[in-house]
Every structure is written in structure tokens, then in C-alpha cells.
Amino acid sequence: MKERWPLVIVSASSGFGWGAIVLFLLNPRQRELFGGGFVFAPVIGVLAGLVAARFKDADVFAMAFVSLATLYLTAALYGLGSGIVQRFLYPPHVVPVFTTALLLPYGMTIGGFVLWMWPLAYLNHRFAGRFA
């Protein structure tokens, strides 16, 4: 486990950065809905880093596919985390937890953010893979 600490630290820091990017991109109403996911961003980053570690020696196409898949998975986890935080802040009928898990990846796709987030995720996976 001691040899994994650099990967965990880099991945948690990366998750923190991705969470900050999401908060920066959201308008105030969306930030109110999805801002709570920021609490889980470092943990989500570590999970994505562990995936990156498994594919650190993958070729370009395989890593591109993995980075896209984890981009959508981490967006859904961020949305799920937001829904969990919302569950504690508002009555349960206001925001269904699993709805937020689907809204963030949907908005990322429809808004076109995936076009520049995917290459960033690819580079992030390559960077995290160096620490594995």
C-alpha cells in the first residue's frame, strides 16, 4: 500500500481540480443543485486514478476509450454525490438522488463540454498512470 500513496495523492488532487472545474462551469442555480458533489470529488478522483493505474500501459485508442468511459462514470458519481448531499439539505421529494446522477453526464454531453473534457481526461489518466 505504501507504494500507492503517490497515486492516491495525485488522484485526490486531480479530483479536487475536476470538482473545481465543475463548480466554475455551472451557473448559480446549477451550482446549488450540483455543488454538494464537490465534497466527494477527491474520493471520485482516487477511484478514477485506480482505473488509470490499471490501464497505464494501454495504447492510445484503449486509453482514449477508458478516459471517456471514466469521464462519464465520474460525472455520474459526482452527480450521485450531489444528490446525496441534497438529500440532507432538502426534503427528499425536491431532488431525487439518482436523477442528479444522470443529469450531470447528460448536461456534459448536450452542453458540448465533453469535447474538451475528454482530451483533458485522457491527459489526466496518462499523468496519474505515471504514479502507479
C-alpha atoms as a PDB file:
ATOM      1  CA  MET A   1       0.000   0.000   0.000  1.00  0.00           C
ATOM      2  CA  LYS A   2       2.890   2.332   0.693  1.00  0.00           C
ATOM      3  CA  GLU A   3       3.806   2.404  -2.996  1.00  0.00           C
ATOM      4  CA  ARG A   4       0.251   3.541  -3.875  1.00  0.00           C
ATOM      5  CA  TRP A   5       0.355   6.748  -1.826  1.00  0.00           C
ATOM      6  CA  PRO A   6       1.764   8.906  -4.649  1.00  0.00           C
ATOM      7  CA  LEU A   7      -1.046   7.703  -6.925  1.00  0.00           C
ATOM      8  CA  VAL A   8      -3.663   8.346  -4.233  1.00  0.00           C
ATOM      9  CA  ILE A   9      -2.359  11.850  -3.520  1.00  0.00           C
ATOM     10  CA  VAL A  10      -2.122  12.792  -7.202  1.00  0.00           C
ATOM     11  CA  SER A  11      -5.562  11.321  -7.929  1.00  0.00           C
ATOM     12  CA  ALA A  12      -7.220  13.038  -4.969  1.00  0.00           C
ATOM     13  CA  SER A  13      -5.646  16.341  -6.007  1.00  0.00           C
ATOM     14  CA  SER A  14      -6.827  15.753  -9.545  1.00  0.00           C
ATOM     15  CA  GLY A  15     -10.342  15.013  -8.296  1.00  0.00           C
ATOM     16  CA  PHE A  16     -10.257  18.251  -6.340  1.00  0.00           C
ATOM     17  CA  GLY A  17      -9.252  20.070  -9.545  1.00  0.00           C
ATOM     18  CA  TRP A  18     -12.015  18.421 -11.573  1.00  0.00           C
ATOM     19  CA  GLY A  19     -14.519  19.346  -8.884  1.00  0.00           C
ATOM     20  CA  ALA A  20     -13.333  22.955  -9.072  1.00  0.00           C
ATOM     21  CA  ILE A  21     -13.741  22.893 -12.870  1.00  0.00           C
ATOM     22  CA  VAL A  22     -17.306  21.656 -12.499  1.00  0.00           C
ATOM     23  CA  LEU A  23     -18.125  24.357  -9.952  1.00  0.00           C
ATOM     24  CA  PHE A  24     -16.614  27.008 -12.211  1.00  0.00           C
ATOM     25  CA  LEU A  25     -18.648  25.887 -15.244  1.00  0.00           C
ATOM     26  CA  LEU A  26     -22.013  25.770 -13.502  1.00  0.00           C
ATOM     27  CA  ASN A  27     -24.359  28.720 -13.304  1.00  0.00           C
ATOM     28  CA  PRO A  28     -25.620  29.685  -9.806  1.00  0.00           C
ATOM     29  CA  ARG A  29     -28.778  27.553  -9.991  1.00  0.00           C
ATOM     30  CA  GLN A  30     -26.835  24.525 -11.196  1.00  0.00           C
ATOM     31  CA  ARG A  31     -24.179  25.159  -8.558  1.00  0.00           C
ATOM     32  CA  GLU A  32     -26.885  24.991  -5.909  1.00  0.00           C
ATOM     33  CA  LEU A  33     -28.002  21.634  -7.278  1.00  0.00           C
ATOM     34  CA  PHE A  34     -24.615  20.050  -8.046  1.00  0.00           C
ATOM     35  CA  GLY A  35     -22.243  21.915  -5.732  1.00  0.00           C
ATOM     36  CA  GLY A  36     -22.551  19.330  -2.999  1.00  0.00           C
ATOM     37  CA  GLY A  37     -20.743  16.780  -5.144  1.00  0.00           C
ATOM     38  CA  PHE A  38     -17.561  18.742  -4.551  1.00  0.00           C
ATOM     39  CA  VAL A  39     -17.327  17.038  -1.153  1.00  0.00           C
ATOM     40  CA  PHE A  40     -16.865  13.692  -2.906  1.00  0.00           C
ATOM     41  CA  ALA A  41     -14.543  14.954  -5.677  1.00  0.00           C
ATOM     42  CA  PRO A  42     -11.254  13.747  -4.102  1.00  0.00           C
ATOM     43  CA  VAL A  43     -12.662  10.258  -3.500  1.00  0.00           C
ATOM     44  CA  ILE A  44     -14.002  10.136  -7.062  1.00  0.00           C
ATOM     45  CA  GLY A  45     -10.559  11.245  -8.256  1.00  0.00           C
ATOM     46  CA  VAL A  46      -8.916   8.372  -6.381  1.00  0.00           C
ATOM     47  CA  LEU A  47     -11.328   5.899  -7.980  1.00  0.00           C
ATOM     48  CA  ALA A  48     -10.522   7.292 -11.430  1.00  0.00           C
ATOM     49  CA  GLY A  49      -6.809   7.149 -10.599  1.00  0.00           C
ATOM     50  CA  LEU A  50      -7.082   3.469  -9.724  1.00  0.00           C
ATOM     51  CA  VAL A  51      -8.680   2.872 -13.123  1.00  0.00           C
ATOM     52  CA  ALA A  52      -5.896   4.853 -14.788  1.00  0.00           C
ATOM     53  CA  ALA A  53      -3.325   2.735 -12.964  1.00  0.00           C
ATOM     54  CA  ARG A  54      -4.802  -0.455 -14.404  1.00  0.00           C
ATOM     55  CA  PHE A  55      -4.525   0.906 -17.945  1.00  0.00           C
ATOM     56  CA  LYS A  56      -1.242   2.808 -17.610  1.00  0.00           C
ATOM     57  CA  ASP A  57       0.419   0.766 -20.378  1.00  0.00           C
ATOM     58  CA  ALA A  58      -2.554   0.847 -22.758  1.00  0.00           C
ATOM     59  CA  ASP A  59      -2.184   2.169 -26.281  1.00  0.00           C
ATOM     60  CA  VAL A  60      -3.653   5.498 -27.365  1.00  0.00           C
ATOM     61  CA  PHE A  61      -7.006   4.162 -28.540  1.00  0.00           C
ATOM     62  CA  ALA A  62      -7.597   1.989 -25.496  1.00  0.00           C
ATOM     63  CA  MET A  63      -6.658   4.862 -23.165  1.00  0.00           C
ATOM     64  CA  ALA A  64      -8.939   7.214 -25.110  1.00  0.00           C
ATOM     65  CA  PHE A  65     -11.839   4.805 -24.626  1.00  0.00           C
ATOM     66  CA  VAL A  66     -11.030   4.297 -20.931  1.00  0.00           C
ATOM     67  CA  SER A  67     -10.718   8.028 -20.332  1.00  0.00           C
ATOM     68  CA  LEU A  68     -14.100   8.682 -21.989  1.00  0.00           C
ATOM     69  CA  ALA A  69     -15.755   5.902 -20.007  1.00  0.00           C
ATOM     70  CA  THR A  70     -14.301   7.125 -16.726  1.00  0.00           C
ATOM     71  CA  LEU A  71     -15.211  10.719 -17.588  1.00  0.00           C
ATOM     72  CA  TYR A  72     -18.860   9.721 -17.814  1.00  0.00           C
ATOM     73  CA  LEU A  73     -18.630   7.424 -14.801  1.00  0.00           C
ATOM     74  CA  THR A  74     -17.018  10.080 -12.626  1.00  0.00           C
ATOM     75  CA  ALA A  75     -19.565  12.664 -13.798  1.00  0.00           C
ATOM     76  CA  ALA A  76     -22.339  10.284 -12.756  1.00  0.00           C
ATOM     77  CA  LEU A  77     -20.633   9.682  -9.398  1.00  0.00           C
ATOM     78  CA  TYR A  78     -20.268  13.433  -8.899  1.00  0.00           C
ATOM     79  CA  GLY A  79     -23.973  13.820  -9.663  1.00  0.00           C
ATOM     80  CA  LEU A  80     -24.788  10.984  -7.285  1.00  0.00           C
ATOM     81  CA  GLY A  81     -22.711  12.657  -4.570  1.00  0.00           C
ATOM     82  CA  SER A  82     -24.583  15.880  -5.236  1.00  0.00           C
ATOM     83  CA  GLY A  83     -27.859  14.043  -4.841  1.00  0.00           C
ATOM     84  CA  ILE A  84     -26.733  12.542  -1.548  1.00  0.00           C
ATOM     85  CA  VAL A  85     -25.795  15.971  -0.207  1.00  0.00           C
ATOM     86  CA  GLN A  86     -29.114  17.357  -1.476  1.00  0.00           C
ATOM     87  CA  ARG A  87     -30.908  14.594   0.415  1.00  0.00           C
ATOM     88  CA  PHE A  88     -29.519  16.012   3.665  1.00  0.00           C
ATOM     89  CA  LEU A  89     -30.199  19.663   2.782  1.00  0.00           C
ATOM     90  CA  TYR A  90     -33.684  19.482   1.274  1.00  0.00           C
ATOM     91  CA  PRO A  91     -36.752  17.280   1.649  1.00  0.00           C
ATOM     92  CA  PRO A  92     -36.477  14.020  -0.332  1.00  0.00           C
ATOM     93  CA  HIS A  93     -39.144  14.974  -2.851  1.00  0.00           C
ATOM     94  CA  VAL A  94     -37.224  18.036  -4.087  1.00  0.00           C
ATOM     95  CA  VAL A  95     -34.309  16.329  -5.858  1.00  0.00           C
ATOM     96  CA  PRO A  96     -34.271  12.561  -6.406  1.00  0.00           C
ATOM     97  CA  VAL A  97     -30.757  11.234  -5.783  1.00  0.00           C
ATOM     98  CA  PHE A  98     -30.427   9.163  -8.940  1.00  0.00           C
ATOM     99  CA  THR A  99     -31.781  11.972 -11.104  1.00  0.00           C
ATOM    100  CA  THR A 100     -28.736  14.092 -10.299  1.00  0.00           C
ATOM    101  CA  ALA A 101     -26.503  11.141 -11.200  1.00  0.00           C
ATOM    102  CA  LEU A 102     -27.982  11.171 -14.707  1.00  0.00           C
ATOM    103  CA  LEU A 103     -28.320  14.930 -15.146  1.00  0.00           C
ATOM    104  CA  LEU A 104     -24.628  15.765 -14.955  1.00  0.00           C
ATOM    105  CA  PRO A 105     -23.437  13.387 -17.708  1.00  0.00           C
ATOM    106  CA  TYR A 106     -26.422  14.408 -19.824  1.00  0.00           C
ATOM    107  CA  GLY A 107     -25.660  18.104 -19.418  1.00  0.00           C
ATOM    108  CA  MET A 108     -21.976  17.480 -20.091  1.00  0.00           C
ATOM    109  CA  THR A 109     -22.886  15.865 -23.406  1.00  0.00           C
ATOM    110  CA  ILE A 110     -25.628  18.245 -24.507  1.00  0.00           C
ATOM    111  CA  GLY A 111     -23.597  21.300 -23.499  1.00  0.00           C
ATOM    112  CA  GLY A 112     -20.619  20.115 -25.545  1.00  0.00           C
ATOM    113  CA  PHE A 113     -18.284  20.111 -22.543  1.00  0.00           C
ATOM    114  CA  VAL A 114     -17.253  16.552 -23.318  1.00  0.00           C
ATOM    115  CA  LEU A 115     -15.429  17.821 -26.422  1.00  0.00           C
ATOM    116  CA  TRP A 116     -12.731  19.486 -24.346  1.00  0.00           C
ATOM    117  CA  MET A 117     -13.080  17.463 -21.140  1.00  0.00           C
ATOM    118  CA  TRP A 118     -12.318  14.178 -22.883  1.00  0.00           C
ATOM    119  CA  PRO A 119      -8.801  15.180 -24.005  1.00  0.00           C
ATOM    120  CA  LEU A 120      -8.217  16.644 -20.552  1.00  0.00           C
ATOM    121  CA  ALA A 121      -9.331  13.340 -19.004  1.00  0.00           C
ATOM    122  CA  TYR A 122      -7.005  11.463 -21.348  1.00  0.00           C
ATOM    123  CA  LEU A 123      -4.030  13.584 -20.264  1.00  0.00           C
ATOM    124  CA  ASN A 124      -5.062  13.219 -16.659  1.00  0.00           C
ATOM    125  CA  HIS A 125      -5.147   9.418 -16.985  1.00  0.00           C
ATOM    126  CA  ARG A 126      -1.690   9.412 -18.550  1.00  0.00           C
ATOM    127  CA  PHE A 127      -0.384  11.643 -15.768  1.00  0.00           C
ATOM    128  CA  ALA A 128      -1.930   9.553 -12.991  1.00  0.00           C
ATOM    129  CA  GLY A 129      -0.675   6.371 -14.636  1.00  0.00           C
ATOM    130  CA  ARG A 130       2.893   7.570 -14.156  1.00  0.00           C
ATOM    131  CA  PHE A 131       2.457   7.335 -10.402  1.00  0.00           C
ATOM    132  CA  ALA A 132       1.117   3.787 -10.474  1.00  0.00           C
END
